[in-house]
Amino acid sequence: MCSSDLGVLATEMEAAALYAVGQARGLRTGAVFVSVDGTLSNTRRREALSEAALVAARALVGASGGE
């Protein structure tokens, strides 16, 4: 099965290592990516990082059987 068949849009090397170790140890893993560049204002960059943190927190709560 190809990663595009699973809905994967992108990956990078650090997350690939995280997933490989998780699979080898039987652990669930995940990653949140925020792509930022020089065109974003500092305010928008902080907003994007805050939004990503919220997504990650919700995923962790959901994975632990919370809301």
C-alpha atoms as a PDB file:
ATOM      1  CA  MET A   1       0.000   0.000   0.000  1.00  0.00           C
ATOM      2  CA  CYS A   2       1.335   3.424  -0.956  1.00  0.00           C
ATOM      3  CA  SER A   3       1.380   6.303   1.542  1.00  0.00           C
ATOM      4  CA  SER A   4      -0.837   8.343  -0.792  1.00  0.00           C
ATOM      5  CA  ASP A   5      -3.436   5.561  -0.522  1.00  0.00           C
ATOM      6  CA  LEU A   6      -3.540   6.298   3.215  1.00  0.00           C
ATOM      7  CA  GLY A   7      -4.129  10.026   2.759  1.00  0.00           C
ATOM      8  CA  VAL A   8      -0.556  11.019   3.616  1.00  0.00           C
ATOM      9  CA  LEU A   9       0.245  14.404   2.098  1.00  0.00           C
ATOM     10  CA  ALA A  10       3.830  14.833   3.290  1.00  0.00           C
ATOM     11  CA  THR A  11       6.445  13.513   5.663  1.00  0.00           C
ATOM     12  CA  GLU A  12       9.891  14.444   6.843  1.00  0.00           C
ATOM     13  CA  MET A  13      12.834  12.558   8.280  1.00  0.00           C
ATOM     14  CA  GLU A  14      12.350  13.201  11.999  1.00  0.00           C
ATOM     15  CA  ALA A  15       8.755  12.007  11.936  1.00  0.00           C
ATOM     16  CA  ALA A  16       9.761   8.981   9.852  1.00  0.00           C
ATOM     17  CA  ALA A  17      12.227   8.006  12.583  1.00  0.00           C
ATOM     18  CA  LEU A  18       9.574   8.563  15.252  1.00  0.00           C
ATOM     19  CA  TYR A  19       7.128   6.314  13.411  1.00  0.00           C
ATOM     20  CA  ALA A  20       9.753   3.603  12.842  1.00  0.00           C
ATOM     21  CA  VAL A  21      10.698   3.489  16.532  1.00  0.00           C
ATOM     22  CA  GLY A  22       7.044   3.528  17.545  1.00  0.00           C
ATOM     23  CA  GLN A  23       6.261   0.649  15.234  1.00  0.00           C
ATOM     24  CA  ALA A  24       9.250  -1.358  16.443  1.00  0.00           C
ATOM     25  CA  ARG A  25       8.253  -0.842  20.083  1.00  0.00           C
ATOM     26  CA  GLY A  26       4.519  -1.249  19.549  1.00  0.00           C
ATOM     27  CA  LEU A  27       3.739   2.375  20.436  1.00  0.00           C
ATOM     28  CA  ARG A  28       1.271   4.789  18.883  1.00  0.00           C
ATOM     29  CA  THR A  29       2.966   7.878  17.504  1.00  0.00           C
ATOM     30  CA  GLY A  30       1.930  11.066  15.813  1.00  0.00           C
ATOM     31  CA  ALA A  31       3.238  14.413  14.661  1.00  0.00           C
ATOM     32  CA  VAL A  32       1.882  17.862  13.947  1.00  0.00           C
ATOM     33  CA  PHE A  33       3.547  20.034  11.328  1.00  0.00           C
ATOM     34  CA  VAL A  34       3.389  23.782  10.957  1.00  0.00           C
ATOM     35  CA  SER A  35       4.952  25.177   7.837  1.00  0.00           C
ATOM     36  CA  VAL A  36       6.132  28.728   8.362  1.00  0.00           C
ATOM     37  CA  ASP A  37       8.220  31.029   6.237  1.00  0.00           C
ATOM     38  CA  GLY A  38       9.367  34.610   6.122  1.00  0.00           C
ATOM     39  CA  THR A  39       6.070  35.850   4.701  1.00  0.00           C
ATOM     40  CA  LEU A  40       4.147  35.329   7.935  1.00  0.00           C
ATOM     41  CA  SER A  41       3.986  38.065  10.517  1.00  0.00           C
ATOM     42  CA  ASN A  42       5.116  37.181  14.025  1.00  0.00           C
ATOM     43  CA  THR A  43       1.491  37.388  15.141  1.00  0.00           C
ATOM     44  CA  ARG A  44       0.293  34.949  12.471  1.00  0.00           C
ATOM     45  CA  ARG A  45       3.218  32.609  13.178  1.00  0.00           C
ATOM     46  CA  ARG A  46       2.257  32.517  16.879  1.00  0.00           C
ATOM     47  CA  GLU A  47      -1.385  31.899  15.919  1.00  0.00           C
ATOM     48  CA  ALA A  48      -0.391  29.017  13.631  1.00  0.00           C
ATOM     49  CA  LEU A  49       1.745  27.420  16.333  1.00  0.00           C
ATOM     50  CA  SER A  50      -1.044  27.846  18.891  1.00  0.00           C
ATOM     51  CA  GLU A  51      -3.549  26.233  16.517  1.00  0.00           C
ATOM     52  CA  ALA A  52      -1.175  23.308  15.943  1.00  0.00           C
ATOM     53  CA  ALA A  53      -0.701  22.870  19.696  1.00  0.00           C
ATOM     54  CA  LEU A  54      -4.474  22.779  20.144  1.00  0.00           C
ATOM     55  CA  VAL A  55      -4.827  20.119  17.428  1.00  0.00           C
ATOM     56  CA  ALA A  56      -2.114  18.041  19.108  1.00  0.00           C
ATOM     57  CA  ALA A  57      -3.715  18.393  22.543  1.00  0.00           C
ATOM     58  CA  ARG A  58      -7.112  17.333  21.201  1.00  0.00           C
ATOM     59  CA  ALA A  59      -5.540  14.317  19.501  1.00  0.00           C
ATOM     60  CA  LEU A  60      -3.819  13.289  22.732  1.00  0.00           C
ATOM     61  CA  VAL A  61      -7.025  13.617  24.731  1.00  0.00           C
ATOM     62  CA  GLY A  62      -8.902  11.606  22.111  1.00  0.00           C
ATOM     63  CA  ALA A  63      -6.198   8.922  22.007  1.00  0.00           C
ATOM     64  CA  SER A  64      -6.314   8.570  25.795  1.00  0.00           C
ATOM     65  CA  GLY A  65     -10.061   7.974  25.788  1.00  0.00           C
ATOM     66  CA  GLY A  66     -11.012  11.507  26.845  1.00  0.00           C
ATOM     67  CA  GLU A  67     -13.548  13.713  25.105  1.00  0.00           C
END
